[in-house]
Amino acid sequence: FEANRARGAVRFEVHAREGATRRGALHESG
């Protein structure tokens, strides 16, 4: 049961550039 547990993580940031919002660094796992 423990070995089959799901793990997941998302970390990201967005920034305003030239009047629009753009995605910056993105990290995904699991």
mmCIF file of all heavy atoms, coordinates in Angstrom:
data_MODEL
# 
_entry.id   MODEL 
# 
loop_
_atom_site.group_PDB 
_atom_site.id 
_atom_site.type_symbol 
_atom_site.label_atom_id 
_atom_site.label_alt_id 
_atom_site.label_comp_id 
_atom_site.label_asym_id 
_atom_site.label_entity_id 
_atom_site.label_seq_id 
_atom_site.pdbx_PDB_ins_code 
_atom_site.Cartn_x 
_atom_site.Cartn_y 
_atom_site.Cartn_z 
_atom_site.occupancy 
_atom_site.B_iso_or_equiv 
_atom_site.pdbx_formal_charge 
_atom_site.auth_seq_id 
_atom_site.auth_comp_id 
_atom_site.auth_asym_id 
_atom_site.auth_atom_id 
_atom_site.pdbx_PDB_model_num 
ATOM 1   N N   . PHE A 1 1  ? 0.842  -1.209 0.000   1.00 0.00 ? 1  PHE A N   1 
ATOM 2   C CA  . PHE A 1 1  ? 0.000  0.000  0.000   1.00 0.00 ? 1  PHE A CA  1 
ATOM 3   C C   . PHE A 1 1  ? 0.870  1.249  0.000   1.00 0.00 ? 1  PHE A C   1 
ATOM 4   O O   . PHE A 1 1  ? 0.650  2.177  -0.781  1.00 0.00 ? 1  PHE A O   1 
ATOM 5   C CB  . PHE A 1 1  ? -0.908 -0.031 1.231   1.00 0.00 ? 1  PHE A CB  1 
ATOM 6   C CG  . PHE A 1 1  ? -1.800 1.180  1.365   1.00 0.00 ? 1  PHE A CG  1 
ATOM 7   C CD1 . PHE A 1 1  ? -2.994 1.260  0.662   1.00 0.00 ? 1  PHE A CD1 1 
ATOM 8   C CD2 . PHE A 1 1  ? -1.451 2.233  2.196   1.00 0.00 ? 1  PHE A CD2 1 
ATOM 9   C CE1 . PHE A 1 1  ? -3.822 2.374  0.784   1.00 0.00 ? 1  PHE A CE1 1 
ATOM 10  C CE2 . PHE A 1 1  ? -2.264 3.347  2.318   1.00 0.00 ? 1  PHE A CE2 1 
ATOM 11  C CZ  . PHE A 1 1  ? -3.445 3.416  1.616   1.00 0.00 ? 1  PHE A CZ  1 
ATOM 12  N N   . GLU A 1 2  ? 1.875  1.283  0.876   1.00 0.00 ? 2  GLU A N   1 
ATOM 13  C CA  . GLU A 1 2  ? 2.743  2.447  0.979   1.00 0.00 ? 2  GLU A CA  1 
ATOM 14  C C   . GLU A 1 2  ? 3.516  2.676  -0.320  1.00 0.00 ? 2  GLU A C   1 
ATOM 15  O O   . GLU A 1 2  ? 3.697  3.808  -0.768  1.00 0.00 ? 2  GLU A O   1 
ATOM 16  C CB  . GLU A 1 2  ? 3.720  2.260  2.149   1.00 0.00 ? 2  GLU A CB  1 
ATOM 17  C CG  . GLU A 1 2  ? 4.741  3.379  2.298   1.00 0.00 ? 2  GLU A CG  1 
ATOM 18  C CD  . GLU A 1 2  ? 4.100  4.727  2.582   1.00 0.00 ? 2  GLU A CD  1 
ATOM 19  O OE1 . GLU A 1 2  ? 2.998  4.754  3.144   1.00 0.00 ? 2  GLU A OE1 1 
ATOM 20  O OE2 . GLU A 1 2  ? 4.717  5.748  2.239   1.00 0.00 ? 2  GLU A OE2 1 
ATOM 21  N N   . ALA A 1 3  ? 3.976  1.600  -0.949  1.00 0.00 ? 3  ALA A N   1 
ATOM 22  C CA  . ALA A 1 3  ? 4.766  1.724  -2.172  1.00 0.00 ? 3  ALA A CA  1 
ATOM 23  C C   . ALA A 1 3  ? 3.941  2.249  -3.338  1.00 0.00 ? 3  ALA A C   1 
ATOM 24  O O   . ALA A 1 3  ? 4.495  2.792  -4.299  1.00 0.00 ? 3  ALA A O   1 
ATOM 25  C CB  . ALA A 1 3  ? 5.376  0.371  -2.533  1.00 0.00 ? 3  ALA A CB  1 
ATOM 26  N N   . ASN A 1 4  ? 2.629  2.104  -3.255  1.00 0.00 ? 4  ASN A N   1 
ATOM 27  C CA  . ASN A 1 4  ? 1.764  2.521  -4.354  1.00 0.00 ? 4  ASN A CA  1 
ATOM 28  C C   . ASN A 1 4  ? 1.097  3.875  -4.113  1.00 0.00 ? 4  ASN A C   1 
ATOM 29  O O   . ASN A 1 4  ? 0.188  4.253  -4.853  1.00 0.00 ? 4  ASN A O   1 
ATOM 30  C CB  . ASN A 1 4  ? 0.687  1.457  -4.606  1.00 0.00 ? 4  ASN A CB  1 
ATOM 31  C CG  . ASN A 1 4  ? 1.224  0.270  -5.375  1.00 0.00 ? 4  ASN A CG  1 
ATOM 32  O OD1 . ASN A 1 4  ? 1.340  0.316  -6.594  1.00 0.00 ? 4  ASN A OD1 1 
ATOM 33  N ND2 . ASN A 1 4  ? 1.572  -0.784 -4.647  1.00 0.00 ? 4  ASN A ND2 1 
ATOM 34  N N   . ARG A 1 5  ? 1.549  4.603  -3.108  1.00 0.00 ? 5  ARG A N   1 
ATOM 35  C CA  . ARG A 1 5  ? 0.969  5.917  -2.861  1.00 0.00 ? 5  ARG A CA  1 
ATOM 36  C C   . ARG A 1 5  ? 1.436  6.908  -3.913  1.00 0.00 ? 5  ARG A C   1 
ATOM 37  O O   . ARG A 1 5  ? 2.578  6.883  -4.374  1.00 0.00 ? 5  ARG A O   1 
ATOM 38  C CB  . ARG A 1 5  ? 1.348  6.435  -1.478  1.00 0.00 ? 5  ARG A CB  1 
ATOM 39  C CG  . ARG A 1 5  ? 0.781  5.650  -0.319  1.00 0.00 ? 5  ARG A CG  1 
ATOM 40  C CD  . ARG A 1 5  ? -0.729 5.520  -0.397  1.00 0.00 ? 5  ARG A CD  1 
ATOM 41  N NE  . ARG A 1 5  ? -1.118 4.379  -1.227  1.00 0.00 ? 5  ARG A NE  1 
ATOM 42  C CZ  . ARG A 1 5  ? -2.151 4.366  -2.058  1.00 0.00 ? 5  ARG A CZ  1 
ATOM 43  N NH1 . ARG A 1 5  ? -2.900 5.419  -2.208  1.00 0.00 ? 5  ARG A NH1 1 
ATOM 44  N NH2 . ARG A 1 5  ? -2.425 3.303  -2.755  1.00 0.00 ? 5  ARG A NH2 1 
ATOM 45  N N   . ALA A 1 6  ? 0.524  7.773  -4.309  1.00 0.00 ? 6  ALA A N   1 
ATOM 46  C CA  . ALA A 1 6  ? 0.844  8.785  -5.322  1.00 0.00 ? 6  ALA A CA  1 
ATOM 47  C C   . ALA A 1 6  ? 1.516  9.987  -4.667  1.00 0.00 ? 6  ALA A C   1 
ATOM 48  O O   . ALA A 1 6  ? 1.157  10.402 -3.563  1.00 0.00 ? 6  ALA A O   1 
ATOM 49  C CB  . ALA A 1 6  ? -0.427 9.226  -6.048  1.00 0.00 ? 6  ALA A CB  1 
ATOM 50  N N   . ARG A 1 7  ? 2.487  10.535 -5.357  1.00 0.00 ? 7  ARG A N   1 
ATOM 51  C CA  . ARG A 1 7  ? 3.161  11.760 -4.942  1.00 0.00 ? 7  ARG A CA  1 
ATOM 52  C C   . ARG A 1 7  ? 3.145  12.716 -6.128  1.00 0.00 ? 7  ARG A C   1 
ATOM 53  O O   . ARG A 1 7  ? 3.356  12.306 -7.273  1.00 0.00 ? 7  ARG A O   1 
ATOM 54  C CB  . ARG A 1 7  ? 4.614  11.480 -4.534  1.00 0.00 ? 7  ARG A CB  1 
ATOM 55  C CG  . ARG A 1 7  ? 4.762  10.492 -3.391  1.00 0.00 ? 7  ARG A CG  1 
ATOM 56  C CD  . ARG A 1 7  ? 4.370  11.118 -2.059  1.00 0.00 ? 7  ARG A CD  1 
ATOM 57  N NE  . ARG A 1 7  ? 4.640  10.218 -0.942  1.00 0.00 ? 7  ARG A NE  1 
ATOM 58  C CZ  . ARG A 1 7  ? 3.774  9.340  -0.461  1.00 0.00 ? 7  ARG A CZ  1 
ATOM 59  N NH1 . ARG A 1 7  ? 2.572  9.243  -1.016  1.00 0.00 ? 7  ARG A NH1 1 
ATOM 60  N NH2 . ARG A 1 7  ? 4.069  8.572  0.567   1.00 0.00 ? 7  ARG A NH2 1 
ATOM 61  N N   . GLY A 1 8  ? 2.906  13.966 -5.851  1.00 0.00 ? 8  GLY A N   1 
ATOM 62  C CA  . GLY A 1 8  ? 2.914  14.938 -6.943  1.00 0.00 ? 8  GLY A CA  1 
ATOM 63  C C   . GLY A 1 8  ? 3.215  16.325 -6.420  1.00 0.00 ? 8  GLY A C   1 
ATOM 64  O O   . GLY A 1 8  ? 2.839  16.674 -5.307  1.00 0.00 ? 8  GLY A O   1 
ATOM 65  N N   . ALA A 1 9  ? 3.914  17.111 -7.229  1.00 0.00 ? 9  ALA A N   1 
ATOM 66  C CA  . ALA A 1 9  ? 4.226  18.479 -6.828  1.00 0.00 ? 9  ALA A CA  1 
ATOM 67  C C   . ALA A 1 9  ? 4.313  19.362 -8.064  1.00 0.00 ? 9  ALA A C   1 
ATOM 68  O O   . ALA A 1 9  ? 4.808  18.934 -9.116  1.00 0.00 ? 9  ALA A O   1 
ATOM 69  C CB  . ALA A 1 9  ? 5.547  18.533 -6.051  1.00 0.00 ? 9  ALA A CB  1 
ATOM 70  N N   . VAL A 1 10 ? 3.803  20.571 -7.930  1.00 0.00 ? 10 VAL A N   1 
ATOM 71  C CA  . VAL A 1 10 ? 3.919  21.588 -8.977  1.00 0.00 ? 10 VAL A CA  1 
ATOM 72  C C   . VAL A 1 10 ? 4.353  22.888 -8.315  1.00 0.00 ? 10 VAL A C   1 
ATOM 73  O O   . VAL A 1 10 ? 3.774  23.302 -7.308  1.00 0.00 ? 10 VAL A O   1 
ATOM 74  C CB  . VAL A 1 10 ? 2.584  21.802 -9.719  1.00 0.00 ? 10 VAL A CB  1 
ATOM 75  C CG1 . VAL A 1 10 ? 2.637  23.076 -10.573 1.00 0.00 ? 10 VAL A CG1 1 
ATOM 76  C CG2 . VAL A 1 10 ? 2.246  20.612 -10.603 1.00 0.00 ? 10 VAL A CG2 1 
ATOM 77  N N   . ARG A 1 11 ? 5.360  23.495 -8.884  1.00 0.00 ? 11 ARG A N   1 
ATOM 78  C CA  . ARG A 1 11 ? 5.822  24.794 -8.401  1.00 0.00 ? 11 ARG A CA  1 
ATOM 79  C C   . ARG A 1 11 ? 6.117  25.673 -9.606  1.00 0.00 ? 11 ARG A C   1 
ATOM 80  O O   . ARG A 1 11 ? 6.860  25.270 -10.502 1.00 0.00 ? 11 ARG A O   1 
ATOM 81  C CB  . ARG A 1 11 ? 7.077  24.646 -7.554  1.00 0.00 ? 11 ARG A CB  1 
ATOM 82  C CG  . ARG A 1 11 ? 7.577  25.978 -6.950  1.00 0.00 ? 11 ARG A CG  1 
ATOM 83  C CD  . ARG A 1 11 ? 8.776  25.784 -6.049  1.00 0.00 ? 11 ARG A CD  1 
ATOM 84  N NE  . ARG A 1 11 ? 9.961  25.350 -6.760  1.00 0.00 ? 11 ARG A NE  1 
ATOM 85  C CZ  . ARG A 1 11 ? 10.486 24.137 -6.724  1.00 0.00 ? 11 ARG A CZ  1 
ATOM 86  N NH1 . ARG A 1 11 ? 9.902  23.191 -6.001  1.00 0.00 ? 11 ARG A NH1 1 
ATOM 87  N NH2 . ARG A 1 11 ? 11.571 23.829 -7.401  1.00 0.00 ? 11 ARG A NH2 1 
ATOM 88  N N   . PHE A 1 12 ? 5.489  26.857 -9.670  1.00 0.00 ? 12 PHE A N   1 
ATOM 89  C CA  . PHE A 1 12 ? 5.766  27.748 -10.792 1.00 0.00 ? 12 PHE A CA  1 
ATOM 90  C C   . PHE A 1 12 ? 5.484  29.188 -10.415 1.00 0.00 ? 12 PHE A C   1 
ATOM 91  O O   . PHE A 1 12 ? 4.894  29.481 -9.375  1.00 0.00 ? 12 PHE A O   1 
ATOM 92  C CB  . PHE A 1 12 ? 4.956  27.344 -12.035 1.00 0.00 ? 12 PHE A CB  1 
ATOM 93  C CG  . PHE A 1 12 ? 3.480  27.610 -11.945 1.00 0.00 ? 12 PHE A CG  1 
ATOM 94  C CD1 . PHE A 1 12 ? 2.926  28.793 -12.412 1.00 0.00 ? 12 PHE A CD1 1 
ATOM 95  C CD2 . PHE A 1 12 ? 2.626  26.649 -11.414 1.00 0.00 ? 12 PHE A CD2 1 
ATOM 96  C CE1 . PHE A 1 12 ? 1.558  29.025 -12.336 1.00 0.00 ? 12 PHE A CE1 1 
ATOM 97  C CE2 . PHE A 1 12 ? 1.261  26.865 -11.338 1.00 0.00 ? 12 PHE A CE2 1 
ATOM 98  C CZ  . PHE A 1 12 ? 0.725  28.068 -11.796 1.00 0.00 ? 12 PHE A CZ  1 
ATOM 99  N N   . GLU A 1 13 ? 5.927  30.087 -11.272 1.00 0.00 ? 13 GLU A N   1 
ATOM 100 C CA  . GLU A 1 13 ? 5.702  31.509 -11.067 1.00 0.00 ? 13 GLU A CA  1 
ATOM 101 C C   . GLU A 1 13 ? 5.311  32.156 -12.376 1.00 0.00 ? 13 GLU A C   1 
ATOM 102 O O   . GLU A 1 13 ? 5.622  31.642 -13.462 1.00 0.00 ? 13 GLU A O   1 
ATOM 103 C CB  . GLU A 1 13 ? 6.960  32.179 -10.503 1.00 0.00 ? 13 GLU A CB  1 
ATOM 104 C CG  . GLU A 1 13 ? 8.188  31.952 -11.355 1.00 0.00 ? 13 GLU A CG  1 
ATOM 105 C CD  . GLU A 1 13 ? 9.457  32.431 -10.669 1.00 0.00 ? 13 GLU A CD  1 
ATOM 106 O OE1 . GLU A 1 13 ? 9.504  32.434 -9.436  1.00 0.00 ? 13 GLU A OE1 1 
ATOM 107 O OE2 . GLU A 1 13 ? 10.405 32.798 -11.400 1.00 0.00 ? 13 GLU A OE2 1 
ATOM 108 N N   . VAL A 1 14 ? 4.587  33.247 -12.280 1.00 0.00 ? 14 VAL A N   1 
ATOM 109 C CA  . VAL A 1 14 ? 4.213  34.015 -13.467 1.00 0.00 ? 14 VAL A CA  1 
ATOM 110 C C   . VAL A 1 14 ? 4.622  35.470 -13.249 1.00 0.00 ? 14 VAL A C   1 
ATOM 111 O O   . VAL A 1 14 ? 4.720  35.946 -12.109 1.00 0.00 ? 14 VAL A O   1 
ATOM 112 C CB  . VAL A 1 14 ? 2.700  33.922 -13.773 1.00 0.00 ? 14 VAL A CB  1 
ATOM 113 C CG1 . VAL A 1 14 ? 2.291  32.482 -14.055 1.00 0.00 ? 14 VAL A CG1 1 
ATOM 114 C CG2 . VAL A 1 14 ? 1.864  34.504 -12.629 1.00 0.00 ? 14 VAL A CG2 1 
ATOM 115 N N   . HIS A 1 15 ? 4.862  36.167 -14.374 1.00 0.00 ? 15 HIS A N   1 
ATOM 116 C CA  . HIS A 1 15 ? 5.304  37.552 -14.327 1.00 0.00 ? 15 HIS A CA  1 
ATOM 117 C C   . HIS A 1 15 ? 4.553  38.370 -15.362 1.00 0.00 ? 15 HIS A C   1 
ATOM 118 O O   . HIS A 1 15 ? 4.111  37.840 -16.383 1.00 0.00 ? 15 HIS A O   1 
ATOM 119 C CB  . HIS A 1 15 ? 6.805  37.649 -14.605 1.00 0.00 ? 15 HIS A CB  1 
ATOM 120 C CG  . HIS A 1 15 ? 7.653  36.821 -13.700 1.00 0.00 ? 15 HIS A CG  1 
ATOM 121 N ND1 . HIS A 1 15 ? 7.960  37.195 -12.415 1.00 0.00 ? 15 HIS A ND1 1 
ATOM 122 C CD2 . HIS A 1 15 ? 8.251  35.615 -13.897 1.00 0.00 ? 15 HIS A CD2 1 
ATOM 123 C CE1 . HIS A 1 15 ? 8.713  36.269 -11.855 1.00 0.00 ? 15 HIS A CE1 1 
ATOM 124 N NE2 . HIS A 1 15 ? 8.901  35.296 -12.732 1.00 0.00 ? 15 HIS A NE2 1 
ATOM 125 N N   . ALA A 1 16 ? 4.427  39.649 -15.100 1.00 0.00 ? 16 ALA A N   1 
ATOM 126 C CA  . ALA A 1 16 ? 3.840  40.572 -16.071 1.00 0.00 ? 16 ALA A CA  1 
ATOM 127 C C   . ALA A 1 16 ? 4.957  41.142 -16.938 1.00 0.00 ? 16 ALA A C   1 
ATOM 128 O O   . ALA A 1 16 ? 5.945  41.665 -16.424 1.00 0.00 ? 16 ALA A O   1 
ATOM 129 C CB  . ALA A 1 16 ? 3.102  41.697 -15.359 1.00 0.00 ? 16 ALA A CB  1 
ATOM 130 N N   . ARG A 1 17 ? 4.772  40.997 -18.267 1.00 0.00 ? 17 ARG A N   1 
ATOM 131 C CA  . ARG A 1 17 ? 5.754  41.533 -19.209 1.00 0.00 ? 17 ARG A CA  1 
ATOM 132 C C   . ARG A 1 17 ? 5.030  42.196 -20.363 1.00 0.00 ? 17 ARG A C   1 
ATOM 133 O O   . ARG A 1 17 ? 4.184  41.571 -21.004 1.00 0.00 ? 17 ARG A O   1 
ATOM 134 C CB  . ARG A 1 17 ? 6.639  40.415 -19.773 1.00 0.00 ? 17 ARG A CB  1 
ATOM 135 C CG  . ARG A 1 17 ? 7.593  39.789 -18.793 1.00 0.00 ? 17 ARG A CG  1 
ATOM 136 C CD  . ARG A 1 17 ? 8.453  38.759 -19.484 1.00 0.00 ? 17 ARG A CD  1 
ATOM 137 N NE  . ARG A 1 17 ? 9.094  37.882 -18.529 1.00 0.00 ? 17 ARG A NE  1 
ATOM 138 C CZ  . ARG A 1 17 ? 9.477  36.642 -18.794 1.00 0.00 ? 17 ARG A CZ  1 
ATOM 139 N NH1 . ARG A 1 17 ? 9.254  36.141 -19.998 1.00 0.00 ? 17 ARG A NH1 1 
ATOM 140 N NH2 . ARG A 1 17 ? 10.063 35.911 -17.876 1.00 0.00 ? 17 ARG A NH2 1 
ATOM 141 N N   . GLU A 1 18 ? 5.374  43.432 -20.597 1.00 0.00 ? 18 GLU A N   1 
ATOM 142 C CA  . GLU A 1 18 ? 4.812  44.186 -21.719 1.00 0.00 ? 18 GLU A CA  1 
ATOM 143 C C   . GLU A 1 18 ? 3.286  44.107 -21.738 1.00 0.00 ? 18 GLU A C   1 
ATOM 144 O O   . GLU A 1 18 ? 2.665  43.881 -22.766 1.00 0.00 ? 18 GLU A O   1 
ATOM 145 C CB  . GLU A 1 18 ? 5.403  43.679 -23.034 1.00 0.00 ? 18 GLU A CB  1 
ATOM 146 C CG  . GLU A 1 18 ? 6.906  43.846 -23.104 1.00 0.00 ? 18 GLU A CG  1 
ATOM 147 C CD  . GLU A 1 18 ? 7.492  43.275 -24.393 1.00 0.00 ? 18 GLU A CD  1 
ATOM 148 O OE1 . GLU A 1 18 ? 6.741  42.605 -25.150 1.00 0.00 ? 18 GLU A OE1 1 
ATOM 149 O OE2 . GLU A 1 18 ? 8.683  43.497 -24.638 1.00 0.00 ? 18 GLU A OE2 1 
ATOM 150 N N   . GLY A 1 19 ? 2.686  44.228 -20.579 1.00 0.00 ? 19 GLY A N   1 
ATOM 151 C CA  . GLY A 1 19 ? 1.236  44.259 -20.481 1.00 0.00 ? 19 GLY A CA  1 
ATOM 152 C C   . GLY A 1 19 ? 0.549  42.913 -20.497 1.00 0.00 ? 19 GLY A C   1 
ATOM 153 O O   . GLY A 1 19 ? -0.681 42.841 -20.508 1.00 0.00 ? 19 GLY A O   1 
ATOM 154 N N   . ALA A 1 20 ? 1.303  41.812 -20.483 1.00 0.00 ? 20 ALA A N   1 
ATOM 155 C CA  . ALA A 1 20 ? 0.711  40.468 -20.497 1.00 0.00 ? 20 ALA A CA  1 
ATOM 156 C C   . ALA A 1 20 ? 1.371  39.617 -19.428 1.00 0.00 ? 20 ALA A C   1 
ATOM 157 O O   . ALA A 1 20 ? 2.505  39.874 -19.015 1.00 0.00 ? 20 ALA A O   1 
ATOM 158 C CB  . ALA A 1 20 ? 0.878  39.827 -21.865 1.00 0.00 ? 20 ALA A CB  1 
ATOM 159 N N   . THR A 1 21 ? 0.654  38.596 -18.970 1.00 0.00 ? 21 THR A N   1 
ATOM 160 C CA  . THR A 1 21 ? 1.196  37.679 -17.969 1.00 0.00 ? 21 THR A CA  1 
ATOM 161 C C   . THR A 1 21 ? 1.828  36.483 -18.662 1.00 0.00 ? 21 THR A C   1 
ATOM 162 O O   . THR A 1 21 ? 1.208  35.846 -19.516 1.00 0.00 ? 21 THR A O   1 
ATOM 163 C CB  . THR A 1 21 ? 0.090  37.197 -17.010 1.00 0.00 ? 21 THR A CB  1 
ATOM 164 O OG1 . THR A 1 21 ? -0.469 38.332 -16.341 1.00 0.00 ? 21 THR A OG1 1 
ATOM 165 C CG2 . THR A 1 21 ? 0.644  36.236 -15.974 1.00 0.00 ? 21 THR A CG2 1 
ATOM 166 N N   . ARG A 1 22 ? 3.059  36.191 -18.284 1.00 0.00 ? 22 ARG A N   1 
ATOM 167 C CA  . ARG A 1 22 ? 3.808  35.098 -18.893 1.00 0.00 ? 22 ARG A CA  1 
ATOM 168 C C   . ARG A 1 22 ? 4.315  34.149 -17.810 1.00 0.00 ? 22 ARG A C   1 
ATOM 169 O O   . ARG A 1 22 ? 4.662  34.571 -16.718 1.00 0.00 ? 22 ARG A O   1 
ATOM 170 C CB  . ARG A 1 22 ? 4.992  35.627 -19.701 1.00 0.00 ? 22 ARG A CB  1 
ATOM 171 C CG  . ARG A 1 22 ? 4.571  36.500 -20.875 1.00 0.00 ? 22 ARG A CG  1 
ATOM 172 C CD  . ARG A 1 22 ? 3.955  35.662 -21.974 1.00 0.00 ? 22 ARG A CD  1 
ATOM 173 N NE  . ARG A 1 22 ? 3.563  36.471 -23.130 1.00 0.00 ? 22 ARG A NE  1 
ATOM 174 C CZ  . ARG A 1 22 ? 2.335  36.869 -23.381 1.00 0.00 ? 22 ARG A CZ  1 
ATOM 175 N NH1 . ARG A 1 22 ? 1.359  36.536 -22.537 1.00 0.00 ? 22 ARG A NH1 1 
ATOM 176 N NH2 . ARG A 1 22 ? 2.057  37.583 -24.454 1.00 0.00 ? 22 ARG A NH2 1 
ATOM 177 N N   . ARG A 1 23 ? 4.379  32.892 -18.159 1.00 0.00 ? 23 ARG A N   1 
ATOM 178 C CA  . ARG A 1 23 ? 4.869  31.888 -17.216 1.00 0.00 ? 23 ARG A CA  1 
ATOM 179 C C   . ARG A 1 23 ? 6.381  31.974 -17.075 1.00 0.00 ? 23 ARG A C   1 
ATOM 180 O O   . ARG A 1 23 ? 7.106  32.158 -18.051 1.00 0.00 ? 23 ARG A O   1 
ATOM 181 C CB  . ARG A 1 23 ? 4.487  30.497 -17.713 1.00 0.00 ? 23 ARG A CB  1 
ATOM 182 C CG  . ARG A 1 23 ? 4.627  29.406 -16.662 1.00 0.00 ? 23 ARG A CG  1 
ATOM 183 C CD  . ARG A 1 23 ? 4.584  28.038 -17.308 1.00 0.00 ? 23 ARG A CD  1 
ATOM 184 N NE  . ARG A 1 23 ? 5.870  27.731 -17.938 1.00 0.00 ? 23 ARG A NE  1 
ATOM 185 C CZ  . ARG A 1 23 ? 6.049  26.742 -18.796 1.00 0.00 ? 23 ARG A CZ  1 
ATOM 186 N NH1 . ARG A 1 23 ? 5.016  26.017 -19.178 1.00 0.00 ? 23 ARG A NH1 1 
ATOM 187 N NH2 . ARG A 1 23 ? 7.231  26.496 -19.298 1.00 0.00 ? 23 ARG A NH2 1 
ATOM 188 N N   . GLY A 1 24 ? 6.859  31.812 -15.854 1.00 0.00 ? 24 GLY A N   1 
ATOM 189 C CA  . GLY A 1 24 ? 8.287  31.752 -15.596 1.00 0.00 ? 24 GLY A CA  1 
ATOM 190 C C   . GLY A 1 24 ? 8.722  30.316 -15.369 1.00 0.00 ? 24 GLY A C   1 
ATOM 191 O O   . GLY A 1 24 ? 8.258  29.393 -16.033 1.00 0.00 ? 24 GLY A O   1 
ATOM 192 N N   . ALA A 1 25 ? 9.573  30.106 -14.379 1.00 0.00 ? 25 ALA A N   1 
ATOM 193 C CA  . ALA A 1 25 ? 10.096 28.773 -14.089 1.00 0.00 ? 25 ALA A CA  1 
ATOM 194 C C   . ALA A 1 25 ? 8.971  27.845 -13.641 1.00 0.00 ? 25 ALA A C   1 
ATOM 195 O O   . ALA A 1 25 ? 8.071  28.242 -12.894 1.00 0.00 ? 25 ALA A O   1 
ATOM 196 C CB  . ALA A 1 25 ? 11.165 28.861 -13.015 1.00 0.00 ? 25 ALA A CB  1 
ATOM 197 N N   . LEU A 1 26 ? 9.035  26.588 -14.106 1.00 0.00 ? 26 LEU A N   1 
ATOM 198 C CA  . LEU A 1 26 ? 8.023  25.585 -13.785 1.00 0.00 ? 26 LEU A CA  1 
ATOM 199 C C   . LEU A 1 26 ? 8.703  24.290 -13.387 1.00 0.00 ? 26 LEU A C   1 
ATOM 200 O O   . LEU A 1 26 ? 9.605  23.806 -14.073 1.00 0.00 ? 26 LEU A O   1 
ATOM 201 C CB  . LEU A 1 26 ? 7.109  25.337 -14.993 1.00 0.00 ? 26 LEU A CB  1 
ATOM 202 C CG  . LEU A 1 26 ? 6.175  24.121 -14.921 1.00 0.00 ? 26 LEU A CG  1 
ATOM 203 C CD1 . LEU A 1 26 ? 5.145  24.287 -13.813 1.00 0.00 ? 26 LEU A CD1 1 
ATOM 204 C CD2 . LEU A 1 26 ? 5.481  23.898 -16.264 1.00 0.00 ? 26 LEU A CD2 1 
ATOM 205 N N   . HIS A 1 27 ? 8.261  23.729 -12.265 1.00 0.00 ? 27 HIS A N   1 
ATOM 206 C CA  . HIS A 1 27 ? 8.756  22.427 -11.820 1.00 0.00 ? 27 HIS A CA  1 
ATOM 207 C C   . HIS A 1 27 ? 7.570  21.505 -11.582 1.00 0.00 ? 27 HIS A C   1 
ATOM 208 O O   . HIS A 1 27 ? 6.620  21.874 -10.876 1.00 0.00 ? 27 HIS A O   1 
ATOM 209 C CB  . HIS A 1 27 ? 9.564  22.556 -10.526 1.00 0.00 ? 27 HIS A CB  1 
ATOM 210 C CG  . HIS A 1 27 ? 9.883  21.230 -9.893  1.00 0.00 ? 27 HIS A CG  1 
ATOM 211 N ND1 . HIS A 1 27 ? 10.906 20.424 -10.339 1.00 0.00 ? 27 HIS A ND1 1 
ATOM 212 C CD2 . HIS A 1 27 ? 9.284  20.564 -8.866  1.00 0.00 ? 27 HIS A CD2 1 
ATOM 213 C CE1 . HIS A 1 27 ? 10.943 19.316 -9.612  1.00 0.00 ? 27 HIS A CE1 1 
ATOM 214 N NE2 . HIS A 1 27 ? 9.971  19.379 -8.711  1.00 0.00 ? 27 HIS A NE2 1 
ATOM 215 N N   . GLU A 1 28 ? 7.601  20.311 -12.164 1.00 0.00 ? 28 GLU A N   1 
ATOM 216 C CA  . GLU A 1 28 ? 6.565  19.303 -11.970 1.00 0.00 ? 28 GLU A CA  1 
ATOM 217 C C   . GLU A 1 28 ? 7.221  17.990 -11.562 1.00 0.00 ? 28 GLU A C   1 
ATOM 218 O O   . GLU A 1 28 ? 8.299  17.648 -12.062 1.00 0.00 ? 28 GLU A O   1 
ATOM 219 C CB  . GLU A 1 28 ? 5.766  19.066 -13.253 1.00 0.00 ? 28 GLU A CB  1 
ATOM 220 C CG  . GLU A 1 28 ? 5.033  20.284 -13.792 1.00 0.00 ? 28 GLU A CG  1 
ATOM 221 C CD  . GLU A 1 28 ? 4.375  20.006 -15.131 1.00 0.00 ? 28 GLU A CD  1 
ATOM 222 O OE1 . GLU A 1 28 ? 4.990  19.266 -15.945 1.00 0.00 ? 28 GLU A OE1 1 
ATOM 223 O OE2 . GLU A 1 28 ? 3.281  20.520 -15.360 1.00 0.00 ? 28 GLU A OE2 1 
ATOM 224 N N   . SER A 1 29 ? 6.573  17.253 -10.683 1.00 0.00 ? 29 SER A N   1 
ATOM 225 C CA  . SER A 1 29 ? 7.075  15.927 -10.333 1.00 0.00 ? 29 SER A CA  1 
ATOM 226 C C   . SER A 1 29 ? 5.912  15.016 -9.987  1.00 0.00 ? 29 SER A C   1 
ATOM 227 O O   . SER A 1 29 ? 4.826  15.480 -9.611  1.00 0.00 ? 29 SER A O   1 
ATOM 228 C CB  . SER A 1 29 ? 8.059  16.002 -9.159  1.00 0.00 ? 29 SER A CB  1 
ATOM 229 O OG  . SER A 1 29 ? 7.408  16.434 -7.981  1.00 0.00 ? 29 SER A OG  1 
ATOM 230 N N   . GLY A 1 30 ? 6.140  13.722 -10.119 1.00 0.00 ? 30 GLY A N   1 
ATOM 231 C CA  . GLY A 1 30 ? 5.106  12.752 -9.791  1.00 0.00 ? 30 GLY A CA  1 
ATOM 232 C C   . GLY A 1 30 ? 3.904  12.850 -10.701 1.00 0.00 ? 30 GLY A C   1 
ATOM 233 O O   . GLY A 1 30 ? 4.033  13.118 -11.898 1.00 0.00 ? 30 GLY A O   1 
# 
